């Protein structure tokens, strides 16, 4: 997997984390226990710093970055949907960011909050805990129902298990496509 030191900035990755082989981790990035990082994810701590808490799932093609001398903080058990962008923001425990959503500079998303698919959380926006925010720009629409919180906690457990299972069960089928094409 491409994990790069940049100048004196070296990633710190807990051994229990799973980073897909074509994900890219650069610089001052701290990755906690049982973190799942999917294919195509790019996490850059080249001039800022990125913290990813235990049990977080980062699905395919997610981009995470921080501004110079600043930080992006993703706390524990956060779920980042396919293709979302997190830039210089803070996401508290159990936040869910939907597919294709953007959470921009200095935004703060409270615990158990949900940012809907395709939403754009503009710079310096605060999404309170246990609220659902949707749209462009994202606005709070309702409280997160208890059954929705339970659902996302269970999804998070699936990704923590994937982080373990991929280490032993994922196998590259070398030559598979070349043989199929002939």
N, C-alpha and C. Protein backbone atom coordinates (compact mmCIF):
# COMPACT_ATOMS: atom_id res chain seq x y z
N UNK A 1 0.85 -1.17 0.00
CA UNK A 1 0.00 0.00 0.00
C UNK A 1 0.89 1.23 0.00
N UNK A 2 0.50 2.27 -0.71
CA UNK A 2 1.31 3.48 -0.74
C UNK A 2 1.11 4.34 0.52
N UNK A 3 2.03 4.21 1.46
CA UNK A 3 2.06 5.06 2.65
C UNK A 3 3.38 5.80 2.57
N UNK A 4 3.29 7.13 2.47
CA UNK A 4 4.47 7.93 2.17
C UNK A 4 4.85 8.86 3.32
N UNK A 5 6.16 8.91 3.58
CA UNK A 5 6.71 9.98 4.39
C UNK A 5 6.90 11.17 3.46
N UNK A 6 6.62 12.37 3.93
CA UNK A 6 6.87 13.58 3.17
C UNK A 6 7.68 14.51 4.05
N UNK A 7 8.91 14.77 3.65
CA UNK A 7 9.87 15.51 4.46
C UNK A 7 10.00 14.80 5.80
N UNK A 8 9.72 15.48 6.92
CA UNK A 8 9.83 14.81 8.22
C UNK A 8 8.46 14.35 8.74
N UNK A 9 7.47 14.32 7.87
CA UNK A 9 6.09 14.01 8.23
C UNK A 9 5.80 12.55 7.86
N UNK A 10 5.70 11.71 8.90
CA UNK A 10 5.53 10.27 8.70
C UNK A 10 4.18 9.81 9.23
N UNK A 11 3.42 9.05 8.43
CA UNK A 11 2.15 8.51 8.93
C UNK A 11 2.36 7.57 10.11
N UNK A 12 1.37 7.56 11.01
CA UNK A 12 1.33 6.60 12.11
C UNK A 12 0.06 5.78 11.93
N UNK A 13 0.24 4.48 11.68
CA UNK A 13 -0.89 3.61 11.37
C UNK A 13 -0.93 2.47 12.38
N UNK A 14 -2.04 2.34 13.09
CA UNK A 14 -2.20 1.22 14.00
C UNK A 14 -2.19 -0.08 13.19
N UNK A 15 -1.50 -1.11 13.67
CA UNK A 15 -1.41 -2.37 12.91
C UNK A 15 -2.75 -3.06 12.66
N UNK A 16 -3.78 -2.73 13.43
CA UNK A 16 -5.09 -3.36 13.22
C UNK A 16 -5.88 -2.69 12.09
N UNK A 17 -5.40 -1.56 11.59
CA UNK A 17 -6.11 -0.85 10.51
C UNK A 17 -5.93 -1.60 9.20
N UNK A 18 -6.91 -1.48 8.32
CA UNK A 18 -6.82 -2.02 6.96
C UNK A 18 -6.80 -0.85 5.99
N UNK A 19 -5.75 -0.78 5.17
CA UNK A 19 -5.64 0.23 4.13
C UNK A 19 -5.58 -0.51 2.81
N UNK A 20 -6.55 -0.28 1.95
CA UNK A 20 -6.59 -0.96 0.66
C UNK A 20 -5.32 -0.62 -0.12
N UNK A 21 -4.77 -1.58 -0.86
CA UNK A 21 -3.49 -1.36 -1.53
C UNK A 21 -3.41 -0.16 -2.47
N UNK A 22 -4.52 0.30 -3.03
CA UNK A 22 -4.40 1.47 -3.90
C UNK A 22 -4.91 2.76 -3.25
N UNK A 23 -5.09 2.74 -1.94
CA UNK A 23 -5.33 3.99 -1.21
C UNK A 23 -3.97 4.66 -1.01
N UNK A 24 -3.97 5.97 -0.79
CA UNK A 24 -2.71 6.71 -0.64
C UNK A 24 -2.76 7.50 0.67
N UNK A 25 -1.74 7.31 1.50
CA UNK A 25 -1.60 8.00 2.77
C UNK A 25 -0.28 8.77 2.71
N UNK A 26 -0.35 10.09 2.92
CA UNK A 26 0.85 10.92 2.77
C UNK A 26 1.03 11.79 4.01
N UNK A 27 2.21 11.76 4.60
CA UNK A 27 2.60 12.72 5.62
C UNK A 27 2.04 12.47 7.00
N UNK A 28 1.75 13.55 7.69
CA UNK A 28 1.37 13.51 9.11
C UNK A 28 -0.10 13.11 9.25
N UNK A 29 -0.32 11.79 9.18
CA UNK A 29 -1.65 11.20 9.27
C UNK A 29 -1.59 10.17 10.39
N UNK A 30 -2.54 10.24 11.31
CA UNK A 30 -2.62 9.32 12.44
C UNK A 30 -3.87 8.46 12.25
N UNK A 31 -3.68 7.15 12.12
CA UNK A 31 -4.79 6.23 11.85
C UNK A 31 -4.92 5.29 13.04
N UNK A 32 -6.11 5.29 13.65
CA UNK A 32 -6.36 4.52 14.87
C UNK A 32 -6.65 3.05 14.63
N UNK A 33 -7.12 2.40 15.67
CA UNK A 33 -7.37 0.95 15.67
C UNK A 33 -8.62 0.61 14.86
N UNK A 34 -8.55 -0.54 14.17
CA UNK A 34 -9.68 -1.11 13.44
C UNK A 34 -10.30 -0.14 12.44
N UNK A 35 -9.48 0.71 11.85
CA UNK A 35 -9.94 1.63 10.82
C UNK A 35 -9.95 0.90 9.49
N UNK A 36 -10.98 1.13 8.69
CA UNK A 36 -11.09 0.59 7.34
C UNK A 36 -10.91 1.74 6.36
N UNK A 37 -9.96 1.59 5.43
CA UNK A 37 -9.74 2.59 4.39
C UNK A 37 -9.85 1.90 3.05
N UNK A 38 -10.88 2.27 2.28
CA UNK A 38 -11.20 1.60 1.03
C UNK A 38 -10.33 2.03 -0.14
N UNK A 39 -10.56 1.33 -1.25
CA UNK A 39 -9.82 1.56 -2.49
C UNK A 39 -9.95 3.00 -2.95
N UNK A 40 -8.84 3.56 -3.41
CA UNK A 40 -8.84 4.89 -4.00
C UNK A 40 -8.90 6.04 -3.03
N UNK A 41 -8.97 5.77 -1.74
CA UNK A 41 -8.99 6.87 -0.76
C UNK A 41 -7.65 7.59 -0.78
N UNK A 42 -7.70 8.90 -0.59
CA UNK A 42 -6.48 9.71 -0.52
C UNK A 42 -6.55 10.53 0.76
N UNK A 43 -5.53 10.35 1.62
CA UNK A 43 -5.48 11.05 2.90
C UNK A 43 -4.14 11.76 2.96
N UNK A 44 -4.18 13.10 2.93
CA UNK A 44 -2.97 13.90 2.82
C UNK A 44 -2.73 14.73 4.06
N UNK A 45 -1.60 14.45 4.72
CA UNK A 45 -1.09 15.27 5.80
C UNK A 45 0.23 15.85 5.39
N UNK A 46 0.31 16.35 4.16
CA UNK A 46 1.58 16.84 3.61
C UNK A 46 2.01 18.16 4.22
N UNK A 47 1.07 19.04 4.53
CA UNK A 47 1.43 20.27 5.23
C UNK A 47 0.47 20.61 6.35
N UNK A 48 -0.58 19.84 6.48
CA UNK A 48 -1.47 19.90 7.63
C UNK A 48 -1.39 18.56 8.34
N UNK A 49 -2.32 18.28 9.25
CA UNK A 49 -2.30 17.04 10.01
C UNK A 49 -3.70 16.44 10.01
N UNK A 50 -3.77 15.12 9.88
CA UNK A 50 -5.04 14.41 9.84
C UNK A 50 -5.06 13.37 10.95
N UNK A 51 -6.14 13.38 11.74
CA UNK A 51 -6.35 12.39 12.80
C UNK A 51 -7.58 11.58 12.45
N UNK A 52 -7.44 10.26 12.46
CA UNK A 52 -8.57 9.36 12.18
C UNK A 52 -8.71 8.42 13.37
N UNK A 53 -9.85 8.52 14.05
CA UNK A 53 -10.08 7.78 15.28
C UNK A 53 -10.43 6.32 15.07
N UNK A 54 -10.34 5.56 16.14
CA UNK A 54 -10.60 4.13 16.15
C UNK A 54 -11.96 3.80 15.54
N UNK A 55 -12.00 2.70 14.80
CA UNK A 55 -13.26 2.18 14.29
C UNK A 55 -13.89 2.98 13.18
N UNK A 56 -13.17 3.91 12.60
CA UNK A 56 -13.72 4.72 11.52
C UNK A 56 -13.67 3.95 10.21
N UNK A 57 -14.70 4.12 9.38
CA UNK A 57 -14.70 3.50 8.06
C UNK A 57 -14.68 4.59 6.99
N UNK A 58 -13.69 4.48 6.13
CA UNK A 58 -13.48 5.44 5.05
C UNK A 58 -13.66 4.66 3.76
N UNK A 59 -14.79 4.87 3.10
CA UNK A 59 -15.12 4.07 1.93
C UNK A 59 -14.34 4.54 0.70
N UNK A 60 -14.59 3.90 -0.41
CA UNK A 60 -13.82 4.11 -1.63
C UNK A 60 -13.87 5.56 -2.11
N UNK A 61 -12.70 6.01 -2.59
CA UNK A 61 -12.52 7.31 -3.23
C UNK A 61 -12.78 8.52 -2.35
N UNK A 62 -12.68 8.36 -1.05
CA UNK A 62 -12.80 9.50 -0.12
C UNK A 62 -11.49 10.29 -0.16
N UNK A 63 -11.60 11.62 -0.07
CA UNK A 63 -10.44 12.49 0.01
C UNK A 63 -10.48 13.23 1.35
N UNK A 64 -9.35 13.19 2.07
CA UNK A 64 -9.24 13.89 3.35
C UNK A 64 -7.95 14.71 3.31
N UNK A 65 -8.04 15.99 3.70
CA UNK A 65 -6.87 16.86 3.65
C UNK A 65 -7.01 17.92 4.74
N UNK A 66 -5.91 18.60 5.04
CA UNK A 66 -5.90 19.70 6.01
C UNK A 66 -5.06 20.85 5.46
N UNK A 67 -5.43 22.05 5.85
CA UNK A 67 -4.69 23.25 5.43
C UNK A 67 -3.32 23.30 6.10
N UNK A 68 -2.41 24.14 5.59
CA UNK A 68 -1.08 24.26 6.20
C UNK A 68 -1.16 24.62 7.68
N UNK A 69 -0.40 23.91 8.47
CA UNK A 69 -0.31 24.11 9.92
C UNK A 69 -1.66 23.95 10.62
N UNK A 70 -2.59 23.26 10.01
CA UNK A 70 -3.92 23.07 10.58
C UNK A 70 -4.23 21.58 10.61
N UNK A 71 -5.47 21.21 10.95
CA UNK A 71 -5.77 19.80 11.09
C UNK A 71 -7.20 19.46 10.72
N UNK A 72 -7.34 18.22 10.28
CA UNK A 72 -8.65 17.59 10.10
C UNK A 72 -8.74 16.54 11.19
N UNK A 73 -9.85 16.57 11.94
CA UNK A 73 -10.02 15.62 13.03
C UNK A 73 -11.27 14.80 12.76
N UNK A 74 -11.07 13.49 12.68
CA UNK A 74 -12.17 12.55 12.51
C UNK A 74 -12.12 11.65 13.73
N UNK A 75 -13.12 11.78 14.58
CA UNK A 75 -13.09 11.04 15.84
C UNK A 75 -13.46 9.56 15.62
N UNK A 76 -13.92 8.90 16.65
CA UNK A 76 -14.14 7.44 16.63
C UNK A 76 -15.46 7.05 15.95
N UNK A 77 -15.39 5.91 15.25
CA UNK A 77 -16.56 5.24 14.67
C UNK A 77 -17.32 6.12 13.68
N UNK A 78 -16.60 6.93 12.95
CA UNK A 78 -17.18 7.77 11.91
C UNK A 78 -17.31 6.94 10.64
N UNK A 79 -18.36 7.17 9.85
CA UNK A 79 -18.55 6.50 8.56
C UNK A 79 -18.52 7.56 7.48
N UNK A 80 -17.55 7.42 6.56
CA UNK A 80 -17.41 8.35 5.44
C UNK A 80 -17.80 7.61 4.17
N UNK A 81 -18.90 8.02 3.54
CA UNK A 81 -19.43 7.35 2.35
C UNK A 81 -18.56 7.56 1.13
N UNK A 82 -18.79 6.71 0.15
CA UNK A 82 -18.04 6.70 -1.10
C UNK A 82 -17.91 8.10 -1.70
N UNK A 83 -16.67 8.48 -2.01
CA UNK A 83 -16.42 9.70 -2.75
C UNK A 83 -16.64 11.01 -2.01
N UNK A 84 -16.76 10.99 -0.71
CA UNK A 84 -16.94 12.27 -0.02
C UNK A 84 -15.59 12.96 0.19
N UNK A 85 -15.65 14.25 0.50
CA UNK A 85 -14.45 15.06 0.72
C UNK A 85 -14.56 15.70 2.10
N UNK A 86 -13.50 15.53 2.89
CA UNK A 86 -13.42 16.16 4.21
C UNK A 86 -12.18 17.04 4.19
N UNK A 87 -12.36 18.34 4.37
CA UNK A 87 -11.23 19.26 4.26
C UNK A 87 -11.17 20.19 5.46
N UNK A 88 -10.18 19.96 6.30
CA UNK A 88 -9.88 20.85 7.42
C UNK A 88 -11.08 21.05 8.34
N UNK A 89 -11.77 19.95 8.64
CA UNK A 89 -12.99 20.01 9.45
C UNK A 89 -12.85 19.07 10.65
N UNK A 90 -13.83 19.13 11.55
CA UNK A 90 -13.89 18.22 12.69
C UNK A 90 -15.19 17.43 12.62
N UNK A 91 -15.06 16.11 12.67
CA UNK A 91 -16.21 15.20 12.71
C UNK A 91 -16.12 14.44 14.02
N UNK A 92 -17.16 14.56 14.85
CA UNK A 92 -17.15 13.92 16.16
C UNK A 92 -17.61 12.46 16.06
N UNK A 93 -17.57 11.76 17.20
CA UNK A 93 -17.88 10.33 17.25
C UNK A 93 -19.20 9.99 16.55
N UNK A 94 -19.16 8.90 15.79
CA UNK A 94 -20.34 8.31 15.14
C UNK A 94 -21.01 9.19 14.09
N UNK A 95 -20.31 10.17 13.57
CA UNK A 95 -20.85 10.96 12.46
C UNK A 95 -20.93 10.07 11.22
N UNK A 96 -21.93 10.32 10.38
CA UNK A 96 -22.05 9.68 9.07
C UNK A 96 -22.05 10.79 8.02
N UNK A 97 -21.15 10.66 7.04
CA UNK A 97 -21.12 11.59 5.91
C UNK A 97 -21.47 10.78 4.68
N UNK A 98 -22.56 11.15 4.00
CA UNK A 98 -23.07 10.40 2.87
C UNK A 98 -22.19 10.49 1.64
N UNK A 99 -22.49 9.62 0.69
CA UNK A 99 -21.75 9.53 -0.56
C UNK A 99 -21.71 10.88 -1.29
N UNK A 100 -20.52 11.26 -1.72
CA UNK A 100 -20.37 12.46 -2.52
C UNK A 100 -20.53 13.78 -1.77
N UNK A 101 -20.69 13.73 -0.47
CA UNK A 101 -20.84 14.97 0.31
C UNK A 101 -19.50 15.65 0.50
N UNK A 102 -19.56 16.94 0.79
CA UNK A 102 -18.36 17.73 1.06
C UNK A 102 -18.53 18.41 2.42
N UNK A 103 -17.50 18.26 3.27
CA UNK A 103 -17.47 18.97 4.55
C UNK A 103 -16.23 19.84 4.50
N UNK A 104 -16.45 21.17 4.48
CA UNK A 104 -15.38 22.10 4.19
C UNK A 104 -14.76 22.72 5.44
N UNK A 105 -13.81 23.59 5.18
CA UNK A 105 -12.92 24.18 6.17
C UNK A 105 -13.63 24.69 7.43
N UNK A 106 -13.07 24.30 8.56
CA UNK A 106 -13.46 24.75 9.89
C UNK A 106 -14.90 24.42 10.26
N UNK A 107 -15.50 23.48 9.54
CA UNK A 107 -16.84 23.01 9.91
C UNK A 107 -16.71 22.05 11.07
N UNK A 108 -17.79 21.92 11.83
CA UNK A 108 -17.81 21.05 12.99
C UNK A 108 -19.12 20.26 12.96
N UNK A 109 -19.01 18.94 12.86
CA UNK A 109 -20.19 18.08 12.78
C UNK A 109 -20.28 17.29 14.08
N UNK A 110 -21.37 17.49 14.81
CA UNK A 110 -21.55 16.91 16.14
C UNK A 110 -21.77 15.41 16.13
N UNK A 111 -21.58 14.79 17.30
CA UNK A 111 -21.67 13.33 17.39
C UNK A 111 -23.05 12.84 16.95
N UNK A 112 -23.02 11.69 16.29
CA UNK A 112 -24.21 11.01 15.75
C UNK A 112 -24.96 11.83 14.70
N UNK A 113 -24.40 12.93 14.23
CA UNK A 113 -25.05 13.70 13.16
C UNK A 113 -24.84 12.99 11.83
N UNK A 114 -25.72 13.31 10.87
CA UNK A 114 -25.64 12.74 9.53
C UNK A 114 -25.63 13.88 8.53
N UNK A 115 -24.64 13.84 7.62
CA UNK A 115 -24.58 14.75 6.48
C UNK A 115 -25.03 13.92 5.28
N UNK A 116 -26.14 14.31 4.66
CA UNK A 116 -26.75 13.52 3.59
C UNK A 116 -25.90 13.45 2.33
N UNK A 117 -26.22 12.47 1.48
CA UNK A 117 -25.53 12.28 0.21
C UNK A 117 -25.54 13.57 -0.60
N UNK A 118 -24.38 13.93 -1.15
CA UNK A 118 -24.26 15.08 -2.03
C UNK A 118 -24.36 16.44 -1.35
N UNK A 119 -24.51 16.46 -0.05
CA UNK A 119 -24.62 17.74 0.67
C UNK A 119 -23.28 18.47 0.65
N UNK A 120 -23.36 19.79 0.79
CA UNK A 120 -22.16 20.61 0.90
C UNK A 120 -22.24 21.39 2.21
N UNK A 121 -21.38 21.01 3.15
CA UNK A 121 -21.28 21.71 4.42
C UNK A 121 -20.23 22.80 4.21
N UNK A 122 -20.70 24.04 4.11
CA UNK A 122 -19.82 25.16 3.81
C UNK A 122 -18.89 25.46 4.98
N UNK A 123 -17.85 26.19 4.68
CA UNK A 123 -16.85 26.61 5.65
C UNK A 123 -17.49 27.20 6.91
N UNK A 124 -16.98 26.78 8.05
CA UNK A 124 -17.36 27.28 9.38
C UNK A 124 -18.79 26.94 9.79
N UNK A 125 -19.40 25.98 9.14
CA UNK A 125 -20.75 25.56 9.51
C UNK A 125 -20.69 24.61 10.70
N UNK A 126 -21.64 24.74 11.60
CA UNK A 126 -21.76 23.82 12.74
C UNK A 126 -23.04 23.01 12.55
N UNK A 127 -22.89 21.69 12.52
CA UNK A 127 -24.02 20.78 12.50
C UNK A 127 -24.11 20.22 13.92
N UNK A 128 -25.19 20.50 14.65
CA UNK A 128 -25.29 20.04 16.04
C UNK A 128 -25.37 18.51 16.12
N UNK A 129 -25.07 17.96 17.30
CA UNK A 129 -25.19 16.51 17.50
C UNK A 129 -26.60 16.01 17.18
N UNK A 130 -26.64 14.79 16.64
CA UNK A 130 -27.89 14.06 16.39
C UNK A 130 -28.86 14.81 15.47
N UNK A 131 -28.30 15.55 14.50
CA UNK A 131 -29.12 16.25 13.51
C UNK A 131 -28.78 15.71 12.12
N UNK A 132 -29.73 15.80 11.20
CA UNK A 132 -29.51 15.43 9.81
C UNK A 132 -29.46 16.72 9.00
N UNK A 133 -28.37 16.89 8.24
CA UNK A 133 -28.19 18.06 7.39
C UNK A 133 -28.10 17.59 5.94
N UNK A 134 -28.85 18.25 5.07
CA UNK A 134 -28.87 17.88 3.65
C UNK A 134 -28.87 19.15 2.81
N UNK A 135 -28.56 18.98 1.52
CA UNK A 135 -28.68 20.06 0.55
C UNK A 135 -27.41 20.80 0.27
N UNK A 136 -27.55 21.79 -0.64
CA UNK A 136 -26.44 22.63 -1.05
C UNK A 136 -26.89 24.08 -0.94
N UNK A 137 -26.44 24.83 0.05
CA UNK A 137 -25.60 24.37 1.15
C UNK A 137 -26.40 23.51 2.13
N UNK A 138 -25.69 22.72 2.90
CA UNK A 138 -26.35 21.82 3.86
C UNK A 138 -27.05 22.63 4.94
N UNK A 139 -28.27 22.23 5.23
CA UNK A 139 -29.02 22.81 6.34
C UNK A 139 -29.62 21.69 7.16
N UNK A 140 -29.79 21.95 8.44
CA UNK A 140 -30.35 20.95 9.34
C UNK A 140 -31.84 20.82 9.04
N UNK A 141 -32.30 19.57 8.86
CA UNK A 141 -33.70 19.30 8.53
C UNK A 141 -34.47 18.62 9.64
N UNK A 142 -33.76 17.78 10.43
CA UNK A 142 -34.48 17.03 11.46
C UNK A 142 -33.50 16.36 12.42
N UNK A 143 -34.05 15.80 13.48
CA UNK A 143 -33.26 14.99 14.42
C UNK A 143 -33.01 13.62 13.80
N UNK A 144 -31.91 13.00 14.22
CA UNK A 144 -31.63 11.63 13.79
C UNK A 144 -32.51 10.69 14.62
N UNK A 145 -33.39 9.91 13.96
CA UNK A 145 -34.20 8.95 14.72
C UNK A 145 -33.34 7.88 15.38
N UNK A 146 -33.77 7.37 16.52
CA UNK A 146 -33.01 6.34 17.24
C UNK A 146 -32.72 5.13 16.37
N UNK A 147 -33.70 4.68 15.56
CA UNK A 147 -33.47 3.50 14.73
C UNK A 147 -32.39 3.76 13.68
N UNK A 148 -32.24 5.00 13.24
CA UNK A 148 -31.19 5.34 12.28
C UNK A 148 -29.82 5.28 12.94
N UNK A 149 -29.72 5.79 14.16
CA UNK A 149 -28.46 5.69 14.91
C UNK A 149 -28.08 4.23 15.09
N UNK A 150 -29.03 3.39 15.48
CA UNK A 150 -28.76 1.96 15.67
C UNK A 150 -28.28 1.33 14.37
N UNK A 151 -28.92 1.68 13.25
CA UNK A 151 -28.52 1.16 11.93
C UNK A 151 -27.06 1.49 11.63
N UNK A 152 -26.67 2.77 11.80
CA UNK A 152 -25.31 3.17 11.46
C UNK A 152 -24.27 2.61 12.41
N UNK A 153 -24.61 2.40 13.66
CA UNK A 153 -23.69 1.74 14.59
C UNK A 153 -23.41 0.32 14.10
N UNK A 154 -24.44 -0.37 13.61
CA UNK A 154 -24.26 -1.73 13.09
C UNK A 154 -23.44 -1.73 11.80
N UNK A 155 -23.67 -0.77 10.93
CA UNK A 155 -22.87 -0.66 9.70
C UNK A 155 -21.40 -0.44 10.06
N UNK A 156 -21.15 0.40 11.04
CA UNK A 156 -19.78 0.65 11.48
C UNK A 156 -19.11 -0.64 11.94
N UNK A 157 -19.84 -1.49 12.64
CA UNK A 157 -19.29 -2.77 13.10
C UNK A 157 -18.92 -3.65 11.91
N UNK A 158 -19.72 -3.61 10.85
CA UNK A 158 -19.41 -4.40 9.65
C UNK A 158 -18.08 -3.96 9.06
N UNK A 159 -17.84 -2.65 8.98
CA UNK A 159 -16.58 -2.17 8.43
C UNK A 159 -15.40 -2.47 9.33
N UNK A 160 -15.60 -2.45 10.65
CA UNK A 160 -14.50 -2.84 11.55
C UNK A 160 -14.17 -4.31 11.33
N UNK A 161 -15.17 -5.14 11.08
CA UNK A 161 -14.92 -6.56 10.81
C UNK A 161 -14.22 -6.72 9.45
N UNK A 162 -14.63 -5.90 8.47
CA UNK A 162 -13.95 -5.96 7.17
C UNK A 162 -12.46 -5.63 7.32
N UNK A 163 -12.15 -4.65 8.18
CA UNK A 163 -10.74 -4.29 8.40
C UNK A 163 -9.95 -5.51 8.87
N UNK A 164 -10.58 -6.38 9.65
CA UNK A 164 -9.92 -7.61 10.11
C UNK A 164 -9.91 -8.67 9.03
N UNK A 165 -11.06 -8.90 8.40
CA UNK A 165 -11.19 -9.98 7.43
C UNK A 165 -10.35 -9.76 6.18
N UNK A 166 -10.24 -8.52 5.71
CA UNK A 166 -9.46 -8.26 4.50
C UNK A 166 -8.00 -8.65 4.68
N UNK A 167 -7.50 -8.58 5.89
CA UNK A 167 -6.10 -8.94 6.13
C UNK A 167 -5.83 -10.41 5.81
N UNK A 168 -6.83 -11.27 6.00
CA UNK A 168 -6.61 -12.70 5.79
C UNK A 168 -7.40 -13.28 4.62
N UNK A 169 -8.49 -12.63 4.22
CA UNK A 169 -9.39 -13.24 3.24
C UNK A 169 -9.35 -12.61 1.85
N UNK A 170 -8.77 -11.43 1.70
CA UNK A 170 -8.73 -10.77 0.40
C UNK A 170 -7.53 -11.31 -0.38
N UNK A 171 -7.79 -11.81 -1.58
CA UNK A 171 -6.72 -12.41 -2.38
C UNK A 171 -6.74 -11.82 -3.78
N UNK A 172 -5.58 -11.38 -4.26
CA UNK A 172 -5.44 -10.87 -5.61
C UNK A 172 -5.41 -12.05 -6.57
N UNK A 173 -6.27 -12.03 -7.55
CA UNK A 173 -6.31 -13.10 -8.55
C UNK A 173 -5.43 -12.67 -9.72
N UNK A 174 -4.14 -12.87 -9.55
CA UNK A 174 -3.16 -12.46 -10.54
C UNK A 174 -3.45 -13.10 -11.89
N UNK A 175 -3.50 -12.29 -12.91
CA UNK A 175 -3.73 -12.80 -14.26
C UNK A 175 -5.18 -13.11 -14.58
N UNK A 176 -6.08 -12.93 -13.64
CA UNK A 176 -7.47 -13.28 -13.86
C UNK A 176 -8.05 -12.58 -15.07
N UNK A 177 -7.88 -11.27 -15.16
CA UNK A 177 -8.48 -10.54 -16.26
C UNK A 177 -7.78 -10.82 -17.57
N UNK A 178 -6.47 -10.98 -17.55
CA UNK A 178 -5.74 -11.29 -18.78
C UNK A 178 -6.23 -12.61 -19.38
N UNK A 179 -6.44 -13.60 -18.52
CA UNK A 179 -6.93 -14.89 -19.02
C UNK A 179 -8.35 -14.78 -19.55
N UNK A 180 -9.20 -13.99 -18.91
CA UNK A 180 -10.59 -13.84 -19.34
C UNK A 180 -10.67 -13.10 -20.68
N UNK A 181 -9.74 -12.17 -20.93
CA UNK A 181 -9.79 -11.38 -22.15
C UNK A 181 -9.40 -12.21 -23.37
N UNK A 182 -8.50 -13.17 -23.20
CA UNK A 182 -8.00 -13.97 -24.34
C UNK A 182 -9.07 -14.81 -24.97
